[in-house]
Amino acid sequence: AHSDPWGGGHDCWKVGGKMFAVTGAINEQVSVKTDGIETAEMLIEAGIASRAAYMHRSWIALPLDSDPAELRHRITASYSLIRASLPKKVQATLTGI
């Protein structure tokens, strides 16, 4: 599902009511969840991503002009992580990935 929960151009994508990706209203970037703080720190240190403002330290921000394969991988991984964290009953109602 797609929404703008805070207004002002923060596009947000959710699965089962939980956010897995959000774009910034000012910066041209997408924030996604990683599998942990260590992964996020590694991607930040490698220069692939930056710290996602206002989010848990396991979230990163990727510029929208990043390599399309990297963006696709990180958004898909974030979706999968959030979907897997949902109660089994909610997961059973979902279609797609």
Protein backbone atom coordinates (compact mmCIF):
# COMPACT_ATOMS: atom_id res chain seq x y z
CA ALA A 1 0.00 0.00 0.00
CA HIS A 2 1.19 3.53 -0.77
CA SER A 3 0.42 6.67 1.25
CA ASP A 4 1.73 10.08 2.37
CA PRO A 5 1.26 9.70 6.16
CA TRP A 6 3.00 12.89 7.26
CA GLY A 7 1.95 15.12 4.34
CA GLY A 8 4.34 17.25 2.36
CA GLY A 9 5.55 14.60 -0.08
CA HIS A 10 6.81 11.77 2.13
CA ASP A 11 5.74 8.85 -0.02
CA CYS A 12 5.49 5.71 2.08
CA TRP A 13 5.06 2.05 1.11
CA LYS A 14 3.68 -0.51 3.54
CA VAL A 15 3.01 -4.22 3.72
CA GLY A 16 0.49 -5.46 6.26
CA GLY A 17 0.29 -1.94 7.70
CA LYS A 18 4.05 -1.74 8.38
CA MET A 19 6.34 0.64 6.50
CA PHE A 20 9.14 -0.89 4.41
CA ALA A 21 10.16 2.13 2.28
CA VAL A 22 9.74 5.90 2.46
CA THR A 23 10.98 8.75 0.28
CA GLY A 24 12.03 12.09 1.69
CA ALA A 25 10.15 15.29 0.98
CA ILE A 26 13.36 17.31 0.47
CA ASN A 27 16.12 14.82 -0.34
CA GLU A 28 15.83 12.60 -3.39
CA GLN A 29 16.35 9.35 -1.53
CA VAL A 30 14.51 6.27 -0.33
CA SER A 31 14.86 4.89 3.19
CA VAL A 32 14.65 1.14 3.72
CA LYS A 33 15.20 -1.37 6.51
CA THR A 34 18.27 -3.63 6.53
CA ASP A 35 18.70 -6.88 8.43
CA GLY A 36 20.51 -5.09 11.25
CA ILE A 37 22.62 -2.22 12.51
CA GLU A 38 25.84 -3.91 11.34
CA THR A 39 24.60 -4.15 7.74
CA ALA A 40 23.43 -0.54 7.82
CA GLU A 41 26.79 0.65 9.16
CA MET A 42 28.67 -1.37 6.52
CA LEU A 43 26.61 0.19 3.70
CA ILE A 44 27.09 3.67 5.16
CA GLU A 45 30.86 3.17 5.57
CA ALA A 46 31.08 1.85 1.98
CA GLY A 47 29.44 5.05 0.73
CA ILE A 48 26.45 3.20 -0.72
CA ALA A 49 23.95 4.70 1.72
CA SER A 50 23.58 7.25 4.49
CA ARG A 51 21.87 7.17 7.87
CA ALA A 52 18.08 7.37 7.50
CA ALA A 53 16.96 10.42 9.47
CA TYR A 54 14.40 9.81 12.24
CA MET A 55 14.54 6.03 11.72
CA HIS A 56 16.03 3.14 13.71
CA ARG A 57 19.76 2.59 13.08
CA SER A 58 18.95 -0.51 11.00
CA TRP A 59 17.42 1.78 8.35
CA ILE A 60 19.46 3.40 5.57
CA ALA A 61 18.81 6.08 2.97
CA LEU A 62 19.80 5.48 -0.65
CA PRO A 63 19.93 8.24 -3.29
CA LEU A 64 17.24 7.74 -5.94
CA ASP A 65 19.97 7.91 -8.60
CA SER A 66 21.74 4.87 -7.08
CA ASP A 67 22.38 1.83 -9.25
CA PRO A 68 18.90 0.50 -10.15
CA ALA A 69 19.90 -3.07 -9.23
CA GLU A 70 21.04 -1.91 -5.76
CA LEU A 71 17.81 0.05 -5.22
CA ARG A 72 15.70 -2.92 -6.33
CA HIS A 73 17.66 -5.28 -4.06
CA ARG A 74 17.45 -3.05 -0.97
CA ILE A 75 13.74 -2.23 -1.40
CA THR A 76 12.90 -5.91 -2.00
CA ALA A 77 14.99 -6.97 1.01
CA SER A 78 13.26 -4.37 3.21
CA TYR A 79 9.85 -5.58 2.03
CA SER A 80 10.81 -9.19 2.80
CA LEU A 81 12.12 -8.31 6.28
CA ILE A 82 8.99 -6.36 7.21
CA ARG A 83 6.65 -8.97 5.71
CA ALA A 84 8.42 -11.78 7.62
CA SER A 85 7.99 -9.85 10.90
CA LEU A 86 4.20 -9.72 10.51
CA PRO A 87 1.97 -12.17 12.38
CA LYS A 88 1.41 -15.40 10.37
CA LYS A 89 -2.31 -14.61 10.16
CA VAL A 90 -1.56 -11.27 8.44
CA GLN A 91 1.07 -12.87 6.16
CA ALA A 92 -1.51 -15.41 5.00
CA THR A 93 -3.75 -12.61 3.69
CA LEU A 94 -1.02 -11.06 1.54
CA THR A 95 -0.33 -11.70 -2.12
CA GLY A 96 2.83 -10.98 -4.07
CA ILE A 97 6.48 -11.51 -3.18
